[in-house]
Amino acid sequence: MTQGTTNTPEIVTIRQAAKRKILPERTLRRLAHEGRIPIIQSGRTKYLNLTALIEQLNSGAGDLWSK
């Protein structure tokens, strides 16, 4: 019996994502505040699914920049 592989999303803080040069920290925080990227908040710390964000940016689905 073979085990299937699971695609575990990479969950990081907004600051960690910004350090990877995905987008500037200020932009990520603004997009999260406006609800354009989904976040998970635990206390004051905000986390995002880095895998999904990169896929969204690469596919062009859901324009992040238009209001």
Protein backbone atom coordinates (compact mmCIF):
# COMPACT_ATOMS: atom_id res chain seq x y z
CA MET A 1 0.00 0.00 0.00
CA THR A 2 1.44 3.36 -0.98
CA GLN A 3 0.76 6.51 0.91
CA GLY A 4 -0.50 9.52 -1.01
CA THR A 5 1.43 12.71 -0.76
CA THR A 6 -0.26 15.65 0.85
CA ASN A 7 0.36 19.19 -0.21
CA THR A 8 0.76 20.96 3.08
CA PRO A 9 0.41 24.71 2.66
CA GLU A 10 3.18 26.89 3.98
CA ILE A 11 1.73 29.18 6.63
CA VAL A 12 3.92 32.16 7.54
CA THR A 13 3.57 35.52 9.21
CA ILE A 14 3.22 38.60 7.06
CA ARG A 15 6.71 39.68 8.10
CA GLN A 16 8.19 36.31 7.08
CA ALA A 17 6.49 36.54 3.67
CA ALA A 18 7.88 40.04 3.19
CA LYS A 19 11.41 38.84 4.01
CA ARG A 20 11.09 36.40 1.10
CA LYS A 21 10.59 39.38 -1.21
CA ILE A 22 7.10 38.27 -2.32
CA LEU A 23 5.64 41.73 -1.72
CA PRO A 24 6.60 44.50 0.69
CA GLU A 25 5.33 44.06 4.26
CA ARG A 26 3.25 47.24 4.08
CA THR A 27 1.53 46.02 0.90
CA LEU A 28 0.78 42.61 2.41
CA ARG A 29 -0.69 44.23 5.51
CA ARG A 30 -2.83 46.58 3.40
CA LEU A 31 -4.12 43.73 1.21
CA ALA A 32 -4.94 41.69 4.32
CA HIS A 33 -6.73 44.64 5.95
CA GLU A 34 -8.79 45.22 2.80
CA GLY A 35 -9.70 41.52 2.65
CA ARG A 36 -7.96 40.93 -0.68
CA ILE A 37 -5.81 38.13 0.72
CA PRO A 38 -7.10 35.71 3.35
CA ILE A 39 -5.33 35.68 6.69
CA ILE A 40 -5.55 33.78 9.94
CA GLN A 41 -5.14 35.84 13.08
CA SER A 42 -3.97 34.48 16.40
CA GLY A 43 -3.82 37.22 18.97
CA ARG A 44 -2.04 40.12 17.28
CA THR A 45 -0.11 37.93 14.84
CA LYS A 46 -1.46 37.58 11.32
CA TYR A 47 -0.60 34.52 9.24
CA LEU A 48 -1.14 33.86 5.57
CA ASN A 49 -1.04 30.83 3.31
CA LEU A 50 2.12 31.60 1.35
CA THR A 51 1.54 28.73 -1.08
CA ALA A 52 -1.93 30.02 -2.02
CA LEU A 53 -0.72 33.62 -2.29
CA ILE A 54 2.06 32.67 -4.71
CA GLU A 55 -0.38 30.58 -6.77
CA GLN A 56 -2.83 33.51 -6.84
CA LEU A 57 -0.12 35.92 -7.97
CA ASN A 58 1.17 33.51 -10.64
CA SER A 59 -2.27 32.69 -12.06
CA GLY A 60 -3.54 36.25 -12.14
CA ALA A 61 -6.84 35.03 -10.68
CA GLY A 62 -8.50 37.60 -8.48
CA ASP A 63 -6.92 40.90 -9.30
CA LEU A 64 -5.33 42.17 -6.09
CA TRP A 65 -4.74 45.68 -7.35
CA SER A 66 -8.15 46.88 -8.57
CA LYS A 67 -10.79 48.12 -6.15
